[in-house]
Amino acid sequence: MGPPRSDLARLAPSALGLPASYANFYIANHTVLVPTFNDPADRVALGTLAELFPDRQVVGIHAVDLVWEFGALHCLTQQQPAGQD
């Protein structure tokens, strides 16, 4: 599953460096959250992950705005280190 191109290319021709990837999904207890990009490949990615995780509900989350910030769903789940006093 390569990066989707249609939505991002339409928004910014230089968007090839943005991390638009279906690999940036998040596995929860009963759900798999999958970034989507308003691209025809979204359905393929959702279907593939549904086959790989038959016991979990696969949910697509529009992630174009997140990609503009150089991240996606998995990135949002990362821990924040504690500050030092």
PDB file of N, CA and C in Angstrom:
ATOM      1  N   MET A   1       0.842  -1.166   0.000  1.00  0.00           N
ATOM      2  CA  MET A   1       0.000   0.000   0.000  1.00  0.00           C
ATOM      3  C   MET A   1       0.894   1.237   0.000  1.00  0.00           C
ATOM      4  N   GLY A   2       1.036   1.864  -1.114  1.00  0.00           N
ATOM      5  CA  GLY A   2       1.827   3.081  -1.202  1.00  0.00           C
ATOM      6  C   GLY A   2       1.040   4.275  -0.713  1.00  0.00           C
ATOM      7  N   PRO A   3       1.699   5.400  -0.608  1.00  0.00           N
ATOM      8  CA  PRO A   3       1.007   6.587  -0.133  1.00  0.00           C
ATOM      9  C   PRO A   3      -0.028   7.064  -1.137  1.00  0.00           C
ATOM     10  N   PRO A   4      -1.179   7.514  -0.670  1.00  0.00           N
ATOM     11  CA  PRO A   4      -2.174   8.045  -1.589  1.00  0.00           C
ATOM     12  C   PRO A   4      -1.666   9.360  -2.171  1.00  0.00           C
ATOM     13  N   ARG A   5      -2.050   9.647  -3.410  1.00  0.00           N
ATOM     14  CA  ARG A   5      -1.531  10.833  -4.048  1.00  0.00           C
ATOM     15  C   ARG A   5      -2.594  11.864  -4.409  1.00  0.00           C
ATOM     16  N   SER A   6      -3.799  11.434  -4.739  1.00  0.00           N
ATOM     17  CA  SER A   6      -4.751  12.361  -5.349  1.00  0.00           C
ATOM     18  C   SER A   6      -5.109  13.548  -4.454  1.00  0.00           C
ATOM     19  N   ASP A   7      -5.507  13.323  -3.221  1.00  0.00           N
ATOM     20  CA  ASP A   7      -5.943  14.411  -2.357  1.00  0.00           C
ATOM     21  C   ASP A   7      -4.784  15.331  -2.013  1.00  0.00           C
ATOM     22  N   LEU A   8      -3.660  14.762  -1.630  1.00  0.00           N
ATOM     23  CA  LEU A   8      -2.521  15.578  -1.229  1.00  0.00           C
ATOM     24  C   LEU A   8      -1.917  16.327  -2.405  1.00  0.00           C
ATOM     25  N   ALA A   9      -1.830  15.694  -3.535  1.00  0.00           N
ATOM     26  CA  ALA A   9      -1.272  16.364  -4.705  1.00  0.00           C
ATOM     27  C   ALA A   9      -2.159  17.524  -5.127  1.00  0.00           C
ATOM     28  N   ARG A  10      -3.457  17.363  -4.956  1.00  0.00           N
ATOM     29  CA  ARG A  10      -4.381  18.434  -5.298  1.00  0.00           C
ATOM     30  C   ARG A  10      -4.212  19.612  -4.337  1.00  0.00           C
ATOM     31  N   LEU A  11      -3.895  19.309  -3.075  1.00  0.00           N
ATOM     32  CA  LEU A  11      -3.740  20.370  -2.088  1.00  0.00           C
ATOM     33  C   LEU A  11      -2.385  21.064  -2.187  1.00  0.00           C
ATOM     34  N   ALA A  12      -1.346  20.308  -2.488  1.00  0.00           N
ATOM     35  CA  ALA A  12       0.001  20.882  -2.578  1.00  0.00           C
ATOM     36  C   ALA A  12       0.837  20.011  -3.503  1.00  0.00           C
ATOM     37  N   PRO A  13       1.242  20.520  -4.646  1.00  0.00           N
ATOM     38  CA  PRO A  13       2.039  19.716  -5.579  1.00  0.00           C
ATOM     39  C   PRO A  13       3.309  19.160  -4.959  1.00  0.00           C
ATOM     40  N   SER A  14       3.858  19.833  -3.972  1.00  0.00           N
ATOM     41  CA  SER A  14       5.087  19.355  -3.349  1.00  0.00           C
ATOM     42  C   SER A  14       4.816  18.417  -2.176  1.00  0.00           C
ATOM     43  N   ALA A  15       3.602  17.888  -2.095  1.00  0.00           N
ATOM     44  CA  ALA A  15       3.198  17.080  -0.945  1.00  0.00           C
ATOM     45  C   ALA A  15       3.845  15.702  -0.886  1.00  0.00           C
ATOM     46  N   LEU A  16       4.661  15.343  -1.842  1.00  0.00           N
ATOM     47  CA  LEU A  16       5.257  14.006  -1.836  1.00  0.00           C
ATOM     48  C   LEU A  16       6.091  13.751  -0.593  1.00  0.00           C
ATOM     49  N   GLY A  17       6.586  14.785   0.065  1.00  0.00           N
ATOM     50  CA  GLY A  17       7.378  14.597   1.275  1.00  0.00           C
ATOM     51  C   GLY A  17       6.548  14.436   2.530  1.00  0.00           C
ATOM     52  N   LEU A  18       5.233  14.578   2.429  1.00  0.00           N
ATOM     53  CA  LEU A  18       4.375  14.431   3.601  1.00  0.00           C
ATOM     54  C   LEU A  18       4.154  12.956   3.919  1.00  0.00           C
ATOM     55  N   PRO A  19       4.018  12.619   5.209  1.00  0.00           N
ATOM     56  CA  PRO A  19       3.920  11.210   5.615  1.00  0.00           C
ATOM     57  C   PRO A  19       2.516  10.628   5.479  1.00  0.00           C
ATOM     58  N   ALA A  20       1.939  10.684   4.298  1.00  0.00           N
ATOM     59  CA  ALA A  20       0.620  10.096   4.069  1.00  0.00           C
ATOM     60  C   ALA A  20       0.792   8.599   3.850  1.00  0.00           C
ATOM     61  N   SER A  21       0.485   7.817   4.876  1.00  0.00           N
ATOM     62  CA  SER A  21       0.692   6.377   4.788  1.00  0.00           C
ATOM     63  C   SER A  21      -0.389   5.644   5.569  1.00  0.00           C
ATOM     64  N   TYR A  22      -0.888   4.589   4.977  1.00  0.00           N
ATOM     65  CA  TYR A  22      -1.850   3.745   5.681  1.00  0.00           C
ATOM     66  C   TYR A  22      -1.176   2.942   6.785  1.00  0.00           C
ATOM     67  N   ALA A  23       0.147   2.885   6.765  1.00  0.00           N
ATOM     68  CA  ALA A  23       0.878   2.165   7.809  1.00  0.00           C
ATOM     69  C   ALA A  23       0.815   2.902   9.143  1.00  0.00           C
ATOM     70  N   ASN A  24       0.356   4.133   9.153  1.00  0.00           N
ATOM     71  CA  ASN A  24       0.269   4.917  10.373  1.00  0.00           C
ATOM     72  C   ASN A  24      -1.084   4.686  11.051  1.00  0.00           C
ATOM     73  N   PHE A  25      -1.518   3.425  11.124  1.00  0.00           N
ATOM     74  CA  PHE A  25      -2.782   3.090  11.795  1.00  0.00           C
ATOM     75  C   PHE A  25      -2.527   2.816  13.265  1.00  0.00           C
ATOM     76  N   TYR A  26      -3.597   2.753  14.044  1.00  0.00           N
ATOM     77  CA  TYR A  26      -3.498   2.523  15.480  1.00  0.00           C
ATOM     78  C   TYR A  26      -4.388   1.352  15.862  1.00  0.00           C
ATOM     79  N   ILE A  27      -3.818   0.396  16.580  1.00  0.00           N
ATOM     80  CA  ILE A  27      -4.561  -0.787  17.036  1.00  0.00           C
ATOM     81  C   ILE A  27      -5.002  -0.560  18.478  1.00  0.00           C
ATOM     82  N   ALA A  28      -6.314  -0.570  18.695  1.00  0.00           N
ATOM     83  CA  ALA A  28      -6.878  -0.465  20.036  1.00  0.00           C
ATOM     84  C   ALA A  28      -7.446  -1.832  20.430  1.00  0.00           C
ATOM     85  N   ASN A  29      -8.081  -1.915  21.592  1.00  0.00           N
ATOM     86  CA  ASN A  29      -8.571  -3.204  22.092  1.00  0.00           C
ATOM     87  C   ASN A  29      -9.510  -3.906  21.123  1.00  0.00           C
ATOM     88  N   HIS A  30     -10.478  -3.187  20.581  1.00  0.00           N
ATOM     89  CA  HIS A  30     -11.474  -3.814  19.710  1.00  0.00           C
ATOM     90  C   HIS A  30     -11.582  -3.121  18.362  1.00  0.00           C
ATOM     91  N   THR A  31     -10.672  -2.194  18.103  1.00  0.00           N
ATOM     92  CA  THR A  31     -10.781  -1.338  16.926  1.00  0.00           C
ATOM     93  C   THR A  31      -9.411  -1.108  16.298  1.00  0.00           C
ATOM     94  N   VAL A  32      -9.391  -0.885  15.006  1.00  0.00           N
ATOM     95  CA  VAL A  32      -8.193  -0.423  14.308  1.00  0.00           C
ATOM     96  C   VAL A  32      -8.574   0.898  13.642  1.00  0.00           C
ATOM     97  N   LEU A  33      -7.901   1.967  14.028  1.00  0.00           N
ATOM     98  CA  LEU A  33      -8.140   3.277  13.437  1.00  0.00           C
ATOM     99  C   LEU A  33      -7.160   3.466  12.285  1.00  0.00           C
ATOM    100  N   VAL A  34      -7.678   3.782  11.103  1.00  0.00           N
ATOM    101  CA  VAL A  34      -6.877   3.848   9.886  1.00  0.00           C
ATOM    102  C   VAL A  34      -6.971   5.246   9.287  1.00  0.00           C
ATOM    103  N   PRO A  35      -5.827   5.878   9.004  1.00  0.00           N
ATOM    104  CA  PRO A  35      -5.898   7.184   8.343  1.00  0.00           C
ATOM    105  C   PRO A  35      -6.422   7.030   6.924  1.00  0.00           C
ATOM    106  N   THR A  36      -7.275   7.960   6.517  1.00  0.00           N
ATOM    107  CA  THR A  36      -7.756   7.991   5.138  1.00  0.00           C
ATOM    108  C   THR A  36      -7.448   9.371   4.562  1.00  0.00           C
ATOM    109  N   PHE A  37      -7.402   9.429   3.228  1.00  0.00           N
ATOM    110  CA  PHE A  37      -6.896  10.623   2.562  1.00  0.00           C
ATOM    111  C   PHE A  37      -7.782  11.081   1.403  1.00  0.00           C
ATOM    112  N   ASN A  38      -9.043  10.716   1.413  1.00  0.00           N
ATOM    113  CA  ASN A  38      -9.956  11.062   0.317  1.00  0.00           C
ATOM    114  C   ASN A  38      -9.391  10.570  -1.013  1.00  0.00           C
ATOM    115  N   ASP A  39      -8.922   9.349  -0.998  1.00  0.00           N
ATOM    116  CA  ASP A  39      -8.268   8.747  -2.153  1.00  0.00           C
ATOM    117  C   ASP A  39      -8.948   7.403  -2.447  1.00  0.00           C
ATOM    118  N   PRO A  40      -9.058   6.992  -3.703  1.00  0.00           N
ATOM    119  CA  PRO A  40      -9.651   5.680  -4.011  1.00  0.00           C
ATOM    120  C   PRO A  40      -8.938   4.518  -3.313  1.00  0.00           C
ATOM    121  N   ALA A  41      -7.667   4.692  -2.999  1.00  0.00           N
ATOM    122  CA  ALA A  41      -6.922   3.623  -2.320  1.00  0.00           C
ATOM    123  C   ALA A  41      -7.365   3.440  -0.868  1.00  0.00           C
ATOM    124  N   ASP A  42      -8.108   4.400  -0.319  1.00  0.00           N
ATOM    125  CA  ASP A  42      -8.602   4.266   1.059  1.00  0.00           C
ATOM    126  C   ASP A  42      -9.392   2.975   1.236  1.00  0.00           C
ATOM    127  N   ARG A  43     -10.279   2.688   0.303  1.00  0.00           N
ATOM    128  CA  ARG A  43     -11.115   1.475   0.409  1.00  0.00           C
ATOM    129  C   ARG A  43     -10.264   0.211   0.379  1.00  0.00           C
ATOM    130  N   VAL A  44      -9.234   0.214  -0.439  1.00  0.00           N
ATOM    131  CA  VAL A  44      -8.333  -0.949  -0.506  1.00  0.00           C
ATOM    132  C   VAL A  44      -7.623  -1.127   0.828  1.00  0.00           C
ATOM    133  N   ALA A  45      -7.110  -0.045   1.389  1.00  0.00           N
ATOM    134  CA  ALA A  45      -6.410  -0.121   2.675  1.00  0.00           C
ATOM    135  C   ALA A  45      -7.350  -0.595   3.785  1.00  0.00           C
ATOM    136  N   LEU A  46      -8.555  -0.029   3.840  1.00  0.00           N
ATOM    137  CA  LEU A  46      -9.518  -0.436   4.869  1.00  0.00           C
ATOM    138  C   LEU A  46      -9.883  -1.909   4.730  1.00  0.00           C
ATOM    139  N   GLY A  47     -10.070  -2.362   3.495  1.00  0.00           N
ATOM    140  CA  GLY A  47     -10.399  -3.769   3.259  1.00  0.00           C
ATOM    141  C   GLY A  47      -9.265  -4.705   3.635  1.00  0.00           C
ATOM    142  N   THR A  48      -8.047  -4.300   3.293  1.00  0.00           N
ATOM    143  CA  THR A  48      -6.870  -5.125   3.627  1.00  0.00           C
ATOM    144  C   THR A  48      -6.716  -5.246   5.131  1.00  0.00           C
ATOM    145  N   LEU A  49      -6.840  -4.136   5.838  1.00  0.00           N
ATOM    146  CA  LEU A  49      -6.688  -4.183   7.296  1.00  0.00           C
ATOM    147  C   LEU A  49      -7.847  -4.925   7.953  1.00  0.00           C
ATOM    148  N   ALA A  50      -9.044  -4.855   7.381  1.00  0.00           N
ATOM    149  CA  ALA A  50     -10.168  -5.628   7.912  1.00  0.00           C
ATOM    150  C   ALA A  50      -9.904  -7.128   7.795  1.00  0.00           C
ATOM    151  N   GLU A  51      -9.263  -7.531   6.710  1.00  0.00           N
ATOM    152  CA  GLU A  51      -8.896  -8.947   6.551  1.00  0.00           C
ATOM    153  C   GLU A  51      -7.813  -9.353   7.552  1.00  0.00           C
ATOM    154  N   LEU A  52      -6.886  -8.456   7.823  1.00  0.00           N
ATOM    155  CA  LEU A  52      -5.785  -8.759   8.739  1.00  0.00           C
ATOM    156  C   LEU A  52      -6.208  -8.743  10.200  1.00  0.00           C
ATOM    157  N   PHE A  53      -7.253  -7.993  10.515  1.00  0.00           N
ATOM    158  CA  PHE A  53      -7.749  -7.876  11.891  1.00  0.00           C
ATOM    159  C   PHE A  53      -9.232  -8.232  11.927  1.00  0.00           C
ATOM    160  N   PRO A  54      -9.578  -9.506  11.688  1.00  0.00           N
ATOM    161  CA  PRO A  54     -10.992  -9.894  11.589  1.00  0.00           C
ATOM    162  C   PRO A  54     -11.771  -9.745  12.899  1.00  0.00           C
ATOM    163  N   ASP A  55     -11.091  -9.698  14.035  1.00  0.00           N
ATOM    164  CA  ASP A  55     -11.776  -9.588  15.320  1.00  0.00           C
ATOM    165  C   ASP A  55     -11.909  -8.144  15.801  1.00  0.00           C
ATOM    166  N   ARG A  56     -11.494  -7.194  14.969  1.00  0.00           N
ATOM    167  CA  ARG A  56     -11.573  -5.784  15.348  1.00  0.00           C
ATOM    168  C   ARG A  56     -12.364  -5.008  14.299  1.00  0.00           C
ATOM    169  N   GLN A  57     -13.032  -3.959  14.741  1.00  0.00           N
ATOM    170  CA  GLN A  57     -13.723  -3.067  13.819  1.00  0.00           C
ATOM    171  C   GLN A  57     -12.676  -2.121  13.227  1.00  0.00           C
ATOM    172  N   VAL A  58     -12.640  -2.006  11.913  1.00  0.00           N
ATOM    173  CA  VAL A  58     -11.705  -1.117  11.224  1.00  0.00           C
ATOM    174  C   VAL A  58     -12.445   0.171  10.885  1.00  0.00           C
ATOM    175  N   VAL A  59     -11.917   1.292  11.380  1.00  0.00           N
ATOM    176  CA  VAL A  59     -12.577   2.591  11.227  1.00  0.00           C
ATOM    177  C   VAL A  59     -11.632   3.552  10.520  1.00  0.00           C
ATOM    178  N   GLY A  60     -12.093   4.141   9.432  1.00  0.00           N
ATOM    179  CA  GLY A  60     -11.305   5.139   8.722  1.00  0.00           C
ATOM    180  C   GLY A  60     -11.495   6.516   9.334  1.00  0.00           C
ATOM    181  N   ILE A  61     -10.401   7.240   9.491  1.00  0.00           N
ATOM    182  CA  ILE A  61     -10.404   8.597  10.038  1.00  0.00           C
ATOM    183  C   ILE A  61      -9.721   9.514   9.021  1.00  0.00           C
ATOM    184  N   HIS A  62     -10.435  10.533   8.551  1.00  0.00           N
ATOM    185  CA  HIS A  62      -9.848  11.462   7.581  1.00  0.00           C
ATOM    186  C   HIS A  62      -8.617  12.119   8.208  1.00  0.00           C
ATOM    187  N   ALA A  63      -7.453  11.978   7.582  1.00  0.00           N
ATOM    188  CA  ALA A  63      -6.192  12.386   8.204  1.00  0.00           C
ATOM    189  C   ALA A  63      -5.387  13.393   7.396  1.00  0.00           C
ATOM    190  N   VAL A  64      -5.975  13.999   6.384  1.00  0.00           N
ATOM    191  CA  VAL A  64      -5.209  14.955   5.579  1.00  0.00           C
ATOM    192  C   VAL A  64      -4.685  16.102   6.440  1.00  0.00           C
ATOM    193  N   ASP A  65      -5.515  16.632   7.332  1.00  0.00           N
ATOM    194  CA  ASP A  65      -5.052  17.727   8.186  1.00  0.00           C
ATOM    195  C   ASP A  65      -3.909  17.294   9.096  1.00  0.00           C
ATOM    196  N   LEU A  66      -3.953  16.054   9.581  1.00  0.00           N
ATOM    197  CA  LEU A  66      -2.866  15.550  10.422  1.00  0.00           C
ATOM    198  C   LEU A  66      -1.568  15.431   9.636  1.00  0.00           C
ATOM    199  N   VAL A  67      -1.659  15.005   8.391  1.00  0.00           N
ATOM    200  CA  VAL A  67      -0.467  14.834   7.560  1.00  0.00           C
ATOM    201  C   VAL A  67       0.213  16.181   7.326  1.00  0.00           C
ATOM    202  N   TRP A  68      -0.577  17.243   7.229  1.00  0.00           N
ATOM    203  CA  TRP A  68       0.014  18.579   7.075  1.00  0.00           C
ATOM    204  C   TRP A  68       0.905  18.918   8.263  1.00  0.00           C
ATOM    205  N   GLU A  69       0.646  18.296   9.408  1.00  0.00           N
ATOM    206  CA  GLU A  69       1.469  18.516  10.603  1.00  0.00           C
ATOM    207  C   GLU A  69       2.534  17.426  10.734  1.00  0.00           C
ATOM    208  N   PHE A  70       2.753  16.657   9.669  1.00  0.00           N
ATOM    209  CA  PHE A  70       3.787  15.618   9.581  1.00  0.00           C
ATOM    210  C   PHE A  70       3.549  14.458  10.545  1.00  0.00           C
ATOM    211  N   GLY A  71       2.307  14.041  10.670  1.00  0.00           N
ATOM    212  CA  GLY A  71       1.983  12.883  11.479  1.00  0.00           C
ATOM    213  C   GLY A  71       0.639  12.323  11.057  1.00  0.00           C
ATOM    214  N   ALA A  72       0.168  11.333  11.782  1.00  0.00           N
ATOM    215  CA  ALA A  72      -1.163  10.777  11.552  1.00  0.00           C
ATOM    216  C   ALA A  72      -1.608  10.093  12.842  1.00  0.00           C
ATOM    217  N   LEU A  73      -2.479   9.111  12.733  1.00  0.00           N
ATOM    218  CA  LEU A  73      -3.138   8.547  13.923  1.00  0.00           C
ATOM    219  C   LEU A  73      -2.164   7.943  14.920  1.00  0.00           C
ATOM    220  N   HIS A  74      -1.249   7.115  14.457  1.00  0.00           N
ATOM    221  CA  HIS A  74      -0.312   6.482  15.383  1.00  0.00           C
ATOM    222  C   HIS A  74       0.520   7.529  16.103  1.00  0.00           C
ATOM    223  N   CYS A  75       0.924   8.566  15.371  1.00  0.00           N
ATOM    224  CA  CYS A  75       1.726   9.637  15.977  1.00  0.00           C
ATOM    225  C   CYS A  75       0.980  10.321  17.122  1.00  0.00           C
ATOM    226  N   LEU A  76      -0.336  10.454  16.988  1.00  0.00           N
ATOM    227  CA  LEU A  76      -1.123  11.102  18.033  1.00  0.00           C
ATOM    228  C   LEU A  76      -1.144  10.316  19.333  1.00  0.00           C
ATOM    229  N   THR A  77      -0.861   9.035  19.277  1.00  0.00           N
ATOM    230  CA  THR A  77      -0.943   8.188  20.464  1.00  0.00           C
ATOM    231  C   THR A  77       0.355   8.143  21.261  1.00  0.00           C
ATOM    232  N   GLN A  78       1.387   8.793  20.768  1.00  0.00           N
ATOM    233  CA  GLN A  78       2.687   8.708  21.435  1.00  0.00           C
ATOM    234  C   GLN A  78       2.716   9.498  22.734  1.00  0.00           C
ATOM    235  N   GLN A  79       3.522   9.033  23.643  1.00  0.00           N
ATOM    236  CA  GLN A  79       3.614   9.627  24.970  1.00  0.00           C
ATOM    237  C   GLN A  79       4.325  10.979  24.927  1.00  0.00           C
ATOM    238  N   GLN A  80       4.040  11.785  25.924  1.00  0.00           N
ATOM    239  CA  GLN A  80       4.728  13.059  26.120  1.00  0.00           C
ATOM    240  C   GLN A  80       5.652  12.886  27.316  1.00  0.00           C
ATOM    241  N   PRO A  81       6.941  13.179  27.171  1.00  0.00           N
ATOM    242  CA  PRO A  81       7.835  13.047  28.318  1.00  0.00           C
ATOM    243  C   PRO A  81       7.504  14.087  29.398  1.00  0.00           C
ATOM    244  N   ALA A  82       7.722  13.705  30.630  1.00  0.00           N
ATOM    245  CA  ALA A  82       7.484  14.637  31.736  1.00  0.00           C
ATOM    246  C   ALA A  82       8.526  15.744  31.699  1.00  0.00           C
ATOM    247  N   GLY A  83       8.105  16.947  32.008  1.00  0.00           N
ATOM    248  CA  GLY A  83       9.036  18.063  32.064  1.00  0.00           C
ATOM    249  C   GLY A  83       9.890  17.993  33.318  1.00  0.00           C
ATOM    250  N   GLN A  84      10.989  18.687  33.283  1.00  0.00           N
ATOM    251  CA  GLN A  84      11.863  18.741  34.461  1.00  0.00           C
ATOM    252  C   GLN A  84      11.612  20.036  35.218  1.00  0.00           C
ATOM    253  N   ASP A  85      11.625  19.944  36.528  1.00  0.00           N
ATOM    254  CA  ASP A  85      11.417  21.144  37.363  1.00  0.00           C
ATOM    255  C   ASP A  85      12.699  21.914  37.515  1.00  0.00           C
TER     256      ASP A  85
END
